[in-house]
């Protein structure tokens, strides 16, 4: 079973995460930030992942610590669930239309963390979630998972649709990249660090 369970407690957040890469659609998400919960639900649904994410954060300050720390713990969970990464497709890419928006997410489970984020928002927040936290979440996730992650929003007007397109495309790209091929490690080095 490709799964992980991680708990992370700091002075700012207390988070529990369970991730199953070969899931059956079980999703239990409660971070205290409604729009972010919606985005994680979309990500897990479109990635065919089972995901439990329970977070208690200092939302009296703002949403930054909670969302960033969820990215950290989700990245750690993905890295643990994949183990030595043997037998996975490694690469994933998906272009997703969401009404007037078009977004592409392309990733490499390489062990070399990097984020390219080309997505502009016109509003400061969507619900209780600051739009700048989309990029912060993606950075925390990519760096802790050890993936190279490219996110490009080609066009769009509605910020809700933009974020939704990005999170759905991430789920699809990740599903493609973690797909089991039955082969060895897809690297001439013989390992993915």
N, C-alpha and C. Protein backbone atom coordinates (compact mmCIF):
# COMPACT_ATOMS: atom_id res chain seq x y z
N UNK A 1 0.84 -1.19 0.00
CA UNK A 1 0.00 0.00 0.00
C UNK A 1 0.88 1.25 0.00
N UNK A 2 0.63 2.14 -0.93
CA UNK A 2 1.40 3.38 -1.01
C UNK A 2 0.65 4.45 -0.21
N UNK A 3 1.01 4.54 1.06
CA UNK A 3 0.30 5.44 1.95
C UNK A 3 1.25 6.01 2.99
N UNK A 4 0.78 7.08 3.63
CA UNK A 4 1.56 7.70 4.70
C UNK A 4 0.60 8.38 5.66
N UNK A 5 1.02 8.45 6.90
CA UNK A 5 0.28 9.18 7.93
C UNK A 5 1.29 10.03 8.68
N UNK A 6 1.05 11.33 8.73
CA UNK A 6 2.00 12.25 9.35
C UNK A 6 1.27 13.25 10.23
N UNK A 7 1.87 13.53 11.36
CA UNK A 7 1.39 14.58 12.27
C UNK A 7 2.48 15.62 12.41
N UNK A 8 2.07 16.87 12.47
CA UNK A 8 3.03 17.97 12.61
C UNK A 8 2.44 19.00 13.55
N UNK A 9 3.17 19.29 14.63
CA UNK A 9 2.72 20.27 15.61
C UNK A 9 3.79 21.32 15.81
N UNK A 10 3.39 22.58 15.66
CA UNK A 10 4.27 23.72 15.94
C UNK A 10 3.52 24.67 16.86
N UNK A 11 4.13 25.79 17.16
CA UNK A 11 3.45 26.81 17.96
C UNK A 11 2.33 27.49 17.19
N UNK A 12 2.30 27.26 15.86
CA UNK A 12 1.31 27.93 15.01
C UNK A 12 0.21 27.00 14.49
N UNK A 13 0.55 25.71 14.32
CA UNK A 13 -0.42 24.77 13.76
C UNK A 13 -0.28 23.39 14.38
N UNK A 14 -1.37 22.64 14.32
CA UNK A 14 -1.40 21.23 14.70
C UNK A 14 -2.15 20.50 13.59
N UNK A 15 -1.43 19.69 12.81
CA UNK A 15 -1.99 19.12 11.59
C UNK A 15 -1.80 17.61 11.55
N UNK A 16 -2.85 16.93 11.12
CA UNK A 16 -2.83 15.48 10.90
C UNK A 16 -3.17 15.22 9.44
N UNK A 17 -2.36 14.39 8.78
CA UNK A 17 -2.56 14.08 7.37
C UNK A 17 -2.44 12.59 7.13
N UNK A 18 -3.37 12.03 6.38
CA UNK A 18 -3.29 10.65 5.89
C UNK A 18 -3.46 10.71 4.38
N UNK A 19 -2.55 10.03 3.67
CA UNK A 19 -2.58 10.03 2.21
C UNK A 19 -2.47 8.61 1.70
N UNK A 20 -3.35 8.24 0.78
CA UNK A 20 -3.32 6.93 0.12
C UNK A 20 -3.31 7.19 -1.39
N UNK A 21 -2.21 6.81 -2.04
CA UNK A 21 -2.06 7.12 -3.46
C UNK A 21 -2.99 6.30 -4.35
N UNK A 22 -3.36 5.11 -3.90
CA UNK A 22 -4.24 4.26 -4.69
C UNK A 22 -5.61 4.23 -4.01
N UNK A 23 -6.19 5.39 -3.92
CA UNK A 23 -7.37 5.58 -3.11
C UNK A 23 -8.67 5.16 -3.76
N UNK A 24 -9.71 5.25 -2.94
CA UNK A 24 -11.05 4.90 -3.40
C UNK A 24 -12.00 6.08 -3.25
N UNK A 25 -11.45 7.27 -3.08
CA UNK A 25 -12.28 8.47 -3.04
C UNK A 25 -12.65 8.95 -1.66
N UNK A 26 -11.97 8.45 -0.63
CA UNK A 26 -12.26 8.89 0.74
C UNK A 26 -11.54 10.21 1.00
N UNK A 27 -12.32 11.23 1.32
CA UNK A 27 -11.73 12.55 1.57
C UNK A 27 -12.39 13.16 2.80
N UNK A 28 -11.57 13.47 3.80
CA UNK A 28 -12.05 14.14 5.01
C UNK A 28 -11.12 15.32 5.25
N UNK A 29 -11.60 16.50 4.99
CA UNK A 29 -10.73 17.69 5.01
C UNK A 29 -11.38 18.78 5.84
N UNK A 30 -10.62 19.28 6.81
CA UNK A 30 -11.10 20.38 7.65
C UNK A 30 -9.89 21.17 8.15
N UNK A 31 -9.60 22.26 7.48
CA UNK A 31 -8.46 23.11 7.85
C UNK A 31 -8.90 24.40 8.53
N UNK A 32 -10.20 24.64 8.55
CA UNK A 32 -10.71 25.91 9.08
C UNK A 32 -10.78 27.00 8.03
N UNK A 33 -10.28 26.73 6.83
CA UNK A 33 -10.32 27.69 5.73
C UNK A 33 -11.16 27.05 4.62
N UNK A 34 -12.41 27.45 4.52
CA UNK A 34 -13.38 26.79 3.67
C UNK A 34 -12.96 26.66 2.22
N UNK A 35 -12.48 27.73 1.61
CA UNK A 35 -12.11 27.65 0.19
C UNK A 35 -10.92 26.73 -0.01
N UNK A 36 -9.98 26.75 0.92
CA UNK A 36 -8.82 25.85 0.84
C UNK A 36 -9.27 24.40 0.97
N UNK A 37 -10.22 24.12 1.87
CA UNK A 37 -10.78 22.77 1.98
C UNK A 37 -11.34 22.33 0.63
N UNK A 38 -12.05 23.23 -0.03
CA UNK A 38 -12.64 22.95 -1.34
C UNK A 38 -11.54 22.60 -2.36
N UNK A 39 -10.43 23.35 -2.33
CA UNK A 39 -9.34 23.11 -3.27
C UNK A 39 -8.67 21.76 -2.99
N UNK A 40 -8.44 21.43 -1.73
CA UNK A 40 -7.84 20.14 -1.39
C UNK A 40 -8.76 18.98 -1.79
N UNK A 41 -10.05 19.19 -1.62
CA UNK A 41 -11.03 18.17 -2.01
C UNK A 41 -10.98 17.93 -3.51
N UNK A 42 -10.90 19.01 -4.29
CA UNK A 42 -10.80 18.89 -5.75
C UNK A 42 -9.51 18.18 -6.14
N UNK A 43 -8.41 18.57 -5.52
CA UNK A 43 -7.10 17.96 -5.79
C UNK A 43 -7.15 16.45 -5.55
N UNK A 44 -7.68 16.04 -4.40
CA UNK A 44 -7.73 14.62 -4.06
C UNK A 44 -8.68 13.86 -4.98
N UNK A 45 -9.83 14.47 -5.26
CA UNK A 45 -10.81 13.83 -6.14
C UNK A 45 -10.22 13.58 -7.53
N UNK A 46 -9.61 14.59 -8.12
CA UNK A 46 -9.08 14.47 -9.47
C UNK A 46 -7.78 13.69 -9.52
N UNK A 47 -7.12 13.55 -8.37
CA UNK A 47 -5.91 12.73 -8.29
C UNK A 47 -6.18 11.30 -7.90
N UNK A 48 -7.46 10.95 -7.68
CA UNK A 48 -7.86 9.61 -7.22
C UNK A 48 -7.12 9.23 -5.94
N UNK A 49 -7.05 10.18 -5.02
CA UNK A 49 -6.34 10.00 -3.75
C UNK A 49 -7.33 9.90 -2.61
N UNK A 50 -6.98 9.11 -1.60
CA UNK A 50 -7.66 9.21 -0.32
C UNK A 50 -6.87 10.23 0.49
N UNK A 51 -7.56 11.20 1.07
CA UNK A 51 -6.88 12.25 1.81
C UNK A 51 -7.66 12.62 3.06
N UNK A 52 -6.96 12.58 4.18
CA UNK A 52 -7.44 13.14 5.43
C UNK A 52 -6.52 14.30 5.77
N UNK A 53 -7.10 15.48 5.96
CA UNK A 53 -6.31 16.65 6.36
C UNK A 53 -7.10 17.39 7.44
N UNK A 54 -6.62 17.30 8.66
CA UNK A 54 -7.23 17.98 9.80
C UNK A 54 -6.22 18.99 10.32
N UNK A 55 -6.59 20.26 10.33
CA UNK A 55 -5.66 21.30 10.76
C UNK A 55 -6.31 22.22 11.77
N UNK A 56 -5.56 22.53 12.79
CA UNK A 56 -5.96 23.53 13.78
C UNK A 56 -4.83 24.56 13.79
N UNK A 57 -5.09 25.72 13.19
CA UNK A 57 -4.04 26.72 13.05
C UNK A 57 -4.43 28.05 13.65
N UNK A 58 -3.49 28.97 13.65
CA UNK A 58 -3.69 30.30 14.23
C UNK A 58 -4.42 31.21 13.24
N UNK A 59 -5.64 30.83 12.91
CA UNK A 59 -6.43 31.60 11.95
C UNK A 59 -6.83 32.95 12.48
N UNK A 60 -6.66 33.18 13.79
CA UNK A 60 -6.88 34.51 14.34
C UNK A 60 -5.82 35.48 13.85
N UNK A 61 -4.67 34.95 13.41
CA UNK A 61 -3.61 35.77 12.82
C UNK A 61 -3.95 35.98 11.35
N UNK A 62 -3.93 34.90 10.58
CA UNK A 62 -4.40 34.84 9.19
C UNK A 62 -4.29 33.40 8.72
N UNK A 63 -4.44 33.18 7.43
CA UNK A 63 -4.45 31.82 6.91
C UNK A 63 -3.09 31.29 6.50
N UNK A 64 -2.06 32.11 6.59
CA UNK A 64 -0.74 31.77 6.04
C UNK A 64 -0.16 30.49 6.64
N UNK A 65 -0.02 30.46 7.97
CA UNK A 65 0.63 29.32 8.61
C UNK A 65 -0.12 28.03 8.35
N UNK A 66 -1.43 28.08 8.43
CA UNK A 66 -2.24 26.87 8.24
C UNK A 66 -2.07 26.31 6.83
N UNK A 67 -2.18 27.15 5.83
CA UNK A 67 -2.11 26.67 4.45
C UNK A 67 -0.70 26.24 4.08
N UNK A 68 0.29 27.01 4.46
CA UNK A 68 1.67 26.64 4.17
C UNK A 68 2.04 25.32 4.85
N UNK A 69 1.65 25.18 6.12
CA UNK A 69 1.98 23.95 6.84
C UNK A 69 1.24 22.74 6.29
N UNK A 70 0.03 22.94 5.76
CA UNK A 70 -0.66 21.84 5.08
C UNK A 70 0.12 21.42 3.83
N UNK A 71 0.71 22.38 3.12
CA UNK A 71 1.55 22.06 1.97
C UNK A 71 2.78 21.27 2.39
N UNK A 72 3.38 21.67 3.51
CA UNK A 72 4.56 20.96 4.03
C UNK A 72 4.21 19.51 4.34
N UNK A 73 3.15 19.31 5.12
CA UNK A 73 2.82 17.95 5.56
C UNK A 73 2.32 17.09 4.40
N UNK A 74 1.61 17.67 3.44
CA UNK A 74 1.16 16.91 2.28
C UNK A 74 2.36 16.49 1.43
N UNK A 75 3.32 17.39 1.27
CA UNK A 75 4.55 17.04 0.55
C UNK A 75 5.32 15.93 1.24
N UNK A 76 5.44 16.03 2.56
CA UNK A 76 6.12 14.98 3.33
C UNK A 76 5.40 13.64 3.17
N UNK A 77 4.06 13.67 3.20
CA UNK A 77 3.28 12.45 3.07
C UNK A 77 3.47 11.81 1.70
N UNK A 78 3.49 12.64 0.64
CA UNK A 78 3.70 12.11 -0.70
C UNK A 78 5.07 11.46 -0.81
N UNK A 79 6.08 12.13 -0.29
CA UNK A 79 7.44 11.61 -0.35
C UNK A 79 7.54 10.26 0.37
N UNK A 80 6.92 10.18 1.54
CA UNK A 80 6.95 8.93 2.30
C UNK A 80 6.18 7.82 1.59
N UNK A 81 5.02 8.15 1.03
CA UNK A 81 4.20 7.15 0.36
C UNK A 81 4.88 6.58 -0.87
N UNK A 82 5.71 7.37 -1.53
CA UNK A 82 6.39 6.92 -2.74
C UNK A 82 7.63 6.09 -2.47
N UNK A 83 8.19 6.17 -1.27
CA UNK A 83 9.39 5.39 -0.95
C UNK A 83 10.54 5.72 -1.88
N UNK A 84 11.13 4.69 -2.50
CA UNK A 84 12.30 4.91 -3.37
C UNK A 84 11.89 5.31 -4.79
N UNK A 85 10.60 5.44 -5.04
CA UNK A 85 10.04 5.89 -6.32
C UNK A 85 10.23 4.89 -7.45
N UNK A 86 10.63 3.68 -7.13
CA UNK A 86 10.80 2.65 -8.17
C UNK A 86 9.44 2.29 -8.75
N UNK A 87 9.42 2.16 -10.07
CA UNK A 87 8.24 1.67 -10.75
C UNK A 87 7.14 2.69 -10.99
N UNK A 88 7.45 3.99 -10.85
CA UNK A 88 6.44 5.01 -11.15
C UNK A 88 6.76 5.69 -12.48
N UNK A 89 5.74 6.28 -13.08
CA UNK A 89 5.92 6.96 -14.36
C UNK A 89 6.84 8.18 -14.23
N UNK A 90 6.87 8.79 -13.05
CA UNK A 90 7.72 9.92 -12.68
C UNK A 90 7.21 11.26 -13.20
N UNK A 91 6.83 11.35 -14.45
CA UNK A 91 6.40 12.61 -15.05
C UNK A 91 4.88 12.65 -15.18
N UNK A 92 4.33 13.84 -15.02
CA UNK A 92 2.90 14.01 -15.24
C UNK A 92 2.61 15.41 -15.75
N UNK A 93 1.64 15.51 -16.63
CA UNK A 93 1.26 16.81 -17.16
C UNK A 93 -0.22 16.77 -17.50
N UNK A 94 -0.91 17.86 -17.20
CA UNK A 94 -2.34 17.91 -17.50
C UNK A 94 -2.75 19.35 -17.76
N UNK A 95 -3.48 19.56 -18.84
CA UNK A 95 -4.05 20.86 -19.17
C UNK A 95 -5.54 20.77 -18.94
N UNK A 96 -6.06 21.69 -18.12
CA UNK A 96 -7.44 21.60 -17.69
C UNK A 96 -8.21 22.88 -17.97
N UNK A 97 -9.34 22.78 -18.66
CA UNK A 97 -10.21 23.95 -18.84
C UNK A 97 -11.20 24.03 -17.68
N UNK A 98 -11.40 25.22 -17.18
CA UNK A 98 -12.42 25.47 -16.16
C UNK A 98 -13.17 26.70 -16.60
N UNK A 99 -14.29 26.49 -17.29
CA UNK A 99 -15.05 27.58 -17.88
C UNK A 99 -14.14 28.46 -18.74
N UNK A 100 -13.92 29.70 -18.37
CA UNK A 100 -13.13 30.62 -19.21
C UNK A 100 -11.62 30.51 -18.97
N UNK A 101 -11.21 29.64 -18.04
CA UNK A 101 -9.79 29.51 -17.67
C UNK A 101 -9.18 28.27 -18.33
N UNK A 102 -7.88 28.35 -18.54
CA UNK A 102 -7.13 27.20 -19.00
C UNK A 102 -5.81 27.15 -18.24
N UNK A 103 -5.58 26.04 -17.53
CA UNK A 103 -4.38 25.90 -16.71
C UNK A 103 -3.65 24.61 -17.06
N UNK A 104 -2.33 24.65 -16.95
CA UNK A 104 -1.50 23.46 -17.14
C UNK A 104 -0.63 23.27 -15.91
N UNK A 105 -0.56 22.03 -15.44
CA UNK A 105 0.38 21.65 -14.39
C UNK A 105 1.23 20.51 -14.94
N UNK A 106 2.53 20.68 -14.88
CA UNK A 106 3.48 19.67 -15.32
C UNK A 106 4.46 19.44 -14.18
N UNK A 107 4.73 18.17 -13.88
CA UNK A 107 5.61 17.89 -12.74
C UNK A 107 6.52 16.70 -13.02
N UNK A 108 7.60 16.69 -12.25
CA UNK A 108 8.60 15.62 -12.30
C UNK A 108 8.91 15.23 -10.86
N UNK A 109 8.64 13.98 -10.52
CA UNK A 109 8.98 13.49 -9.19
C UNK A 109 10.44 13.10 -9.22
N UNK A 110 11.29 14.10 -9.16
CA UNK A 110 12.71 13.96 -9.44
C UNK A 110 13.59 13.92 -8.19
N UNK A 111 13.06 14.38 -7.07
CA UNK A 111 13.90 14.58 -5.90
C UNK A 111 14.56 15.94 -5.89
N UNK A 112 14.34 16.71 -6.96
CA UNK A 112 14.91 18.05 -7.06
C UNK A 112 13.77 19.07 -7.01
N UNK A 113 13.53 19.65 -5.85
CA UNK A 113 12.38 20.55 -5.71
C UNK A 113 12.58 21.87 -6.44
N UNK A 114 11.52 22.27 -7.14
CA UNK A 114 11.53 23.56 -7.83
C UNK A 114 10.08 23.94 -8.11
N UNK A 115 9.81 25.22 -8.11
CA UNK A 115 8.47 25.70 -8.45
C UNK A 115 8.55 26.83 -9.46
N UNK A 116 7.81 26.68 -10.55
CA UNK A 116 7.55 27.78 -11.48
C UNK A 116 6.05 28.03 -11.39
N UNK A 117 5.67 29.25 -11.06
CA UNK A 117 4.26 29.56 -10.82
C UNK A 117 3.89 30.80 -11.62
N UNK A 118 3.18 30.59 -12.72
CA UNK A 118 2.73 31.69 -13.57
C UNK A 118 1.21 31.75 -13.52
N UNK A 119 0.71 32.42 -12.50
CA UNK A 119 -0.73 32.52 -12.30
C UNK A 119 -1.01 33.82 -11.56
N UNK A 120 -1.77 34.69 -12.17
CA UNK A 120 -2.09 35.98 -11.57
C UNK A 120 -3.55 36.00 -11.11
N UNK A 121 -3.75 36.55 -9.92
CA UNK A 121 -5.11 36.72 -9.38
C UNK A 121 -5.42 38.20 -9.30
N UNK A 122 -6.69 38.55 -9.46
CA UNK A 122 -7.09 39.96 -9.39
C UNK A 122 -7.65 40.33 -8.02
N UNK A 123 -8.12 39.35 -7.26
CA UNK A 123 -8.66 39.60 -5.93
C UNK A 123 -7.61 39.27 -4.87
N UNK A 124 -7.75 39.89 -3.70
CA UNK A 124 -6.84 39.58 -2.60
C UNK A 124 -7.17 38.25 -1.95
N UNK A 125 -8.45 37.89 -1.95
CA UNK A 125 -8.84 36.64 -1.31
C UNK A 125 -10.07 36.05 -2.00
N UNK A 126 -10.24 34.74 -1.78
CA UNK A 126 -11.43 34.02 -2.21
C UNK A 126 -11.97 33.38 -0.94
N UNK A 127 -13.12 33.83 -0.50
CA UNK A 127 -13.59 33.40 0.81
C UNK A 127 -12.60 33.86 1.86
N UNK A 128 -12.18 32.93 2.72
CA UNK A 128 -11.21 33.26 3.78
C UNK A 128 -9.77 32.98 3.36
N UNK A 129 -9.55 32.59 2.10
CA UNK A 129 -8.20 32.23 1.65
C UNK A 129 -7.59 33.34 0.82
N UNK A 130 -6.44 33.83 1.25
CA UNK A 130 -5.69 34.82 0.47
C UNK A 130 -5.22 34.17 -0.82
N UNK A 131 -5.40 34.84 -1.95
CA UNK A 131 -5.02 34.25 -3.22
C UNK A 131 -3.50 34.03 -3.31
N UNK A 132 -2.71 34.82 -2.60
CA UNK A 132 -1.26 34.62 -2.60
C UNK A 132 -0.88 33.27 -1.99
N UNK A 133 -1.80 32.68 -1.22
CA UNK A 133 -1.51 31.41 -0.57
C UNK A 133 -1.57 30.22 -1.52
N UNK A 134 -2.13 30.41 -2.71
CA UNK A 134 -2.09 29.33 -3.70
C UNK A 134 -0.62 29.04 -4.03
N UNK A 135 0.14 30.07 -4.33
CA UNK A 135 1.55 29.88 -4.64
C UNK A 135 2.33 29.38 -3.43
N UNK A 136 2.05 29.90 -2.25
CA UNK A 136 2.77 29.47 -1.04
C UNK A 136 2.51 28.00 -0.75
N UNK A 137 1.27 27.55 -0.92
CA UNK A 137 0.96 26.15 -0.73
C UNK A 137 1.73 25.29 -1.72
N UNK A 138 1.71 25.68 -3.00
CA UNK A 138 2.38 24.91 -4.04
C UNK A 138 3.88 24.82 -3.78
N UNK A 139 4.47 25.91 -3.31
CA UNK A 139 5.91 25.90 -3.03
C UNK A 139 6.22 24.94 -1.88
N UNK A 140 5.46 25.02 -0.80
CA UNK A 140 5.68 24.14 0.34
C UNK A 140 5.50 22.67 -0.07
N UNK A 141 4.45 22.40 -0.83
CA UNK A 141 4.19 21.04 -1.29
C UNK A 141 5.33 20.52 -2.17
N UNK A 142 5.73 21.30 -3.16
CA UNK A 142 6.78 20.87 -4.09
C UNK A 142 8.10 20.63 -3.39
N UNK A 143 8.48 21.53 -2.50
CA UNK A 143 9.78 21.42 -1.86
C UNK A 143 9.83 20.27 -0.86
N UNK A 144 8.74 20.00 -0.19
CA UNK A 144 8.75 18.89 0.77
C UNK A 144 8.52 17.54 0.09
N UNK A 145 7.84 17.52 -1.04
CA UNK A 145 7.65 16.28 -1.79
C UNK A 145 8.89 15.95 -2.62
N UNK A 146 9.70 16.96 -2.90
CA UNK A 146 10.87 16.76 -3.76
C UNK A 146 10.49 16.65 -5.22
N UNK A 147 9.59 17.53 -5.66
CA UNK A 147 9.16 17.49 -7.06
C UNK A 147 9.45 18.83 -7.73
N UNK A 148 9.70 18.75 -9.02
CA UNK A 148 9.77 19.93 -9.86
C UNK A 148 8.35 20.18 -10.36
N UNK A 149 7.83 21.38 -10.09
CA UNK A 149 6.43 21.67 -10.35
C UNK A 149 6.30 22.96 -11.15
N UNK A 150 5.71 22.85 -12.33
CA UNK A 150 5.46 24.01 -13.19
C UNK A 150 3.96 24.22 -13.30
N UNK A 151 3.51 25.41 -12.96
CA UNK A 151 2.09 25.75 -13.01
C UNK A 151 1.92 26.98 -13.89
N UNK A 152 1.14 26.82 -14.94
CA UNK A 152 0.91 27.92 -15.88
C UNK A 152 -0.59 28.11 -16.11
N UNK A 153 -1.08 29.26 -15.75
CA UNK A 153 -2.45 29.63 -16.09
C UNK A 153 -2.36 30.45 -17.37
N UNK A 154 -2.88 29.88 -18.46
CA UNK A 154 -2.75 30.54 -19.75
C UNK A 154 -3.66 31.77 -19.86
N UNK A 155 -4.89 31.65 -19.34
CA UNK A 155 -5.81 32.77 -19.34
C UNK A 155 -6.99 32.46 -18.42
N UNK A 156 -7.73 33.50 -18.11
CA UNK A 156 -8.91 33.36 -17.26
C UNK A 156 -9.25 34.68 -16.60
N UNK A 157 -10.47 34.80 -16.12
CA UNK A 157 -10.93 36.03 -15.48
C UNK A 157 -11.36 35.81 -14.04
N UNK A 158 -12.10 34.75 -13.79
CA UNK A 158 -12.67 34.51 -12.47
C UNK A 158 -11.65 33.82 -11.57
N UNK A 159 -11.30 34.45 -10.44
CA UNK A 159 -10.25 33.91 -9.57
C UNK A 159 -10.62 32.56 -8.97
N UNK A 160 -11.88 32.34 -8.66
CA UNK A 160 -12.31 31.03 -8.16
C UNK A 160 -12.02 29.96 -9.22
N UNK A 161 -12.36 30.24 -10.46
CA UNK A 161 -12.12 29.30 -11.54
C UNK A 161 -10.63 29.07 -11.76
N UNK A 162 -9.83 30.13 -11.64
CA UNK A 162 -8.38 29.99 -11.82
C UNK A 162 -7.80 29.01 -10.80
N UNK A 163 -8.12 29.23 -9.53
CA UNK A 163 -7.60 28.36 -8.48
C UNK A 163 -8.10 26.93 -8.67
N UNK A 164 -9.36 26.80 -9.00
CA UNK A 164 -9.94 25.47 -9.20
C UNK A 164 -9.25 24.74 -10.34
N UNK A 165 -8.99 25.43 -11.43
CA UNK A 165 -8.30 24.81 -12.56
C UNK A 165 -6.92 24.32 -12.16
N UNK A 166 -6.21 25.11 -11.37
CA UNK A 166 -4.86 24.75 -10.95
C UNK A 166 -4.88 23.52 -10.04
N UNK A 167 -5.74 23.50 -9.04
CA UNK A 167 -5.77 22.37 -8.10
C UNK A 167 -6.25 21.09 -8.78
N UNK A 168 -7.24 21.19 -9.67
CA UNK A 168 -7.69 20.00 -10.40
C UNK A 168 -6.59 19.47 -11.31
N UNK A 169 -5.91 20.37 -12.03
CA UNK A 169 -4.83 19.96 -12.92
C UNK A 169 -3.69 19.33 -12.13
N UNK A 170 -3.41 19.84 -10.94
CA UNK A 170 -2.38 19.23 -10.09
C UNK A 170 -2.75 17.79 -9.75
N UNK A 171 -4.01 17.57 -9.40
CA UNK A 171 -4.44 16.21 -9.10
C UNK A 171 -4.24 15.27 -10.27
N UNK A 172 -4.66 15.70 -11.46
CA UNK A 172 -4.52 14.85 -12.65
C UNK A 172 -3.05 14.59 -13.00
N UNK A 173 -2.21 15.64 -12.93
CA UNK A 173 -0.79 15.48 -13.25
C UNK A 173 -0.11 14.54 -12.26
N UNK A 174 -0.46 14.67 -10.98
CA UNK A 174 0.13 13.79 -9.97
C UNK A 174 -0.32 12.34 -10.17
N UNK A 175 -1.59 12.15 -10.50
CA UNK A 175 -2.10 10.79 -10.75
C UNK A 175 -1.30 10.13 -11.87
N UNK A 176 -0.99 10.90 -12.91
CA UNK A 176 -0.22 10.38 -14.03
C UNK A 176 1.21 10.04 -13.60
N UNK A 177 1.81 10.91 -12.79
CA UNK A 177 3.21 10.73 -12.40
C UNK A 177 3.42 9.57 -11.42
N UNK A 178 2.46 9.32 -10.54
CA UNK A 178 2.63 8.23 -9.55
C UNK A 178 2.11 6.90 -10.09
N UNK A 179 1.60 6.89 -11.31
CA UNK A 179 1.09 5.65 -11.92
C UNK A 179 2.19 4.59 -11.92
N UNK A 180 1.83 3.40 -11.49
CA UNK A 180 2.80 2.31 -11.42
C UNK A 180 3.01 1.71 -12.80
N UNK A 181 4.28 1.61 -13.21
CA UNK A 181 4.64 1.07 -14.52
C UNK A 181 5.16 -0.35 -14.42
N UNK A 182 5.57 -0.77 -13.23
CA UNK A 182 6.14 -2.11 -13.06
C UNK A 182 7.61 -2.17 -13.45
N UNK A 183 8.17 -1.04 -13.85
CA UNK A 183 9.57 -0.99 -14.23
C UNK A 183 10.39 -0.48 -13.05
N UNK A 184 11.68 -0.33 -13.23
CA UNK A 184 12.55 0.16 -12.17
C UNK A 184 12.47 1.67 -12.03
N UNK A 185 13.50 2.24 -11.46
CA UNK A 185 13.58 3.69 -11.28
C UNK A 185 13.85 4.34 -12.63
N UNK A 186 13.02 5.31 -13.01
CA UNK A 186 13.14 5.94 -14.32
C UNK A 186 14.20 7.05 -14.27
N UNK A 187 15.45 6.61 -14.24
CA UNK A 187 16.59 7.54 -14.21
C UNK A 187 17.85 6.77 -14.60
N UNK A 188 18.67 7.40 -15.43
CA UNK A 188 19.95 6.75 -15.80
C UNK A 188 20.88 6.67 -14.60
N UNK A 189 20.62 7.47 -13.56
CA UNK A 189 21.41 7.40 -12.33
C UNK A 189 21.07 6.17 -11.50
N UNK A 190 19.88 5.61 -11.77
CA UNK A 190 19.44 4.45 -11.00
C UNK A 190 18.73 4.82 -9.71
N UNK A 191 18.54 6.10 -9.49
CA UNK A 191 17.84 6.56 -8.28
C UNK A 191 17.28 7.95 -8.48
N UNK A 192 16.23 8.24 -7.78
CA UNK A 192 15.64 9.58 -7.78
C UNK A 192 15.80 10.12 -6.37
N UNK A 193 16.67 11.12 -6.23
CA UNK A 193 16.97 11.66 -4.90
C UNK A 193 16.06 12.80 -4.55
